[in-house]
Protein backbone atom coordinates (compact mmCIF):
# COMPACT_ATOMS: atom_id res chain seq x y z
CA MET A 1 2.06 -75.30 121.51
CA GLU A 2 3.89 -77.33 118.96
CA GLN A 3 4.09 -81.20 119.20
CA ILE A 4 6.96 -82.92 117.94
CA ILE A 5 7.48 -86.25 117.13
CA GLU A 6 8.36 -88.28 119.99
CA THR A 7 10.81 -90.28 118.28
CA LEU A 8 12.71 -87.37 116.63
CA GLN A 9 16.12 -86.98 117.79
CA LEU A 10 19.23 -84.54 116.97
CA ARG A 11 21.97 -86.09 115.85
CA ARG A 12 25.54 -84.33 114.81
CA ALA A 13 27.98 -85.85 112.29
CA GLY A 14 30.47 -84.80 109.94
CA GLY A 15 30.22 -80.97 111.50
CA LYS A 16 26.42 -81.10 110.53
CA CYS A 17 23.12 -81.36 112.50
CA TYR A 18 20.33 -83.63 111.66
CA LEU A 19 16.85 -84.26 112.55
CA ILE A 20 16.20 -87.80 112.57
CA ASP A 21 13.18 -90.04 113.23
CA THR A 22 14.24 -93.21 115.29
CA ALA A 23 10.91 -94.66 115.02
CA ASP A 24 10.81 -98.38 113.98
CA GLU A 25 9.28 -99.56 110.96
CA LYS A 26 5.47 -99.63 111.57
CA GLY A 27 5.20 -95.66 111.51
CA PRO A 28 5.45 -93.45 108.87
CA TYR A 29 9.01 -92.65 107.32
CA HIS A 30 10.34 -89.26 107.95
CA LYS A 31 13.21 -88.36 106.03
CA PRO A 32 16.10 -87.19 108.01
CA VAL A 33 16.36 -83.00 108.08
CA MET A 34 19.60 -81.17 108.09
CA VAL A 35 19.46 -77.93 110.40
CA ASN A 36 22.04 -75.40 111.10
CA GLU A 37 23.06 -74.56 114.65
CA MET A 38 20.17 -72.27 115.44
CA GLY A 39 17.98 -74.86 113.99
CA ALA A 40 19.70 -77.63 116.67
CA GLU A 41 19.22 -74.87 119.69
CA PHE A 42 15.54 -74.21 118.53
CA PHE A 43 14.67 -77.90 118.25
CA LEU A 44 16.54 -78.79 121.70
CA GLN A 45 14.51 -76.05 123.26
CA LEU A 46 11.00 -77.10 121.98
CA LYS A 47 11.67 -80.51 122.73
CA LYS A 48 12.24 -79.97 126.46
CA GLY A 49 8.91 -78.46 126.28
CA LYS A 50 9.54 -74.61 126.03
CA SER A 51 7.33 -72.20 124.48
CA ARG A 52 8.04 -69.98 121.26
CA GLU A 53 8.14 -67.08 123.65
CA GLU A 54 10.62 -68.82 126.13
CA THR A 55 12.68 -70.32 123.05
CA SER A 56 13.32 -67.04 121.55
CA GLN A 57 13.75 -64.90 124.87
CA ARG A 58 16.37 -67.46 126.09
CA ILE A 59 18.41 -67.72 122.56
CA ALA A 60 18.32 -63.73 122.04
CA ALA A 61 19.40 -63.27 125.67
CA GLU A 62 22.24 -65.89 125.26
CA TYR A 63 23.37 -64.90 122.04
CA GLY A 64 23.04 -61.32 122.29
CA VAL A 65 20.78 -60.96 119.15
CA ASP A 66 17.34 -59.31 118.63
CA GLU A 67 14.70 -61.15 119.76
CA LYS A 68 12.29 -60.35 116.92
CA LYS A 69 15.08 -61.73 114.38
CA VAL A 70 15.24 -64.83 116.51
CA ARG A 71 11.09 -65.16 116.64
CA GLU A 72 11.10 -64.60 112.75
CA ASP A 73 13.85 -67.26 112.41
CA LEU A 74 11.70 -69.47 114.68
CA ASP A 75 8.76 -69.43 113.19
CA ARG A 76 10.24 -70.19 109.73
CA PHE A 77 11.98 -73.19 111.24
CA LEU A 78 8.60 -74.44 112.75
CA LYS A 79 6.66 -73.73 109.47
CA ASP A 80 9.31 -75.87 107.65
CA LEU A 81 8.93 -78.65 110.04
CA THR A 82 5.09 -78.33 109.95
CA GLU A 83 5.11 -78.65 106.14
CA ARG A 84 7.33 -81.90 106.48
CA HIS A 85 4.80 -83.01 109.08
CA ILE A 86 7.42 -83.42 111.76
CA ILE A 87 5.59 -81.16 114.02
CA TRP A 88 2.27 -80.08 114.35
CA LYS A 89 -0.16 -77.78 116.22
């Protein structure tokens, strides 16, 4: 399961969603990352400790979309955050 930086928080401002690291100055700095609504939903589910499978199933059911498509989007989202060193496996 992916590990998300504990101090990472979702914030909404001006109709946009951002992942912001709220750590103090001692840790490495992570630039805020703008995400879309689906990215925000992915983040909130993963932050709750939900697995990839649980997250994709829940979102597919809630929004009435294909679970395979949700899983592909989730995988891209996680790859992007991993490359930014915001999450790790």
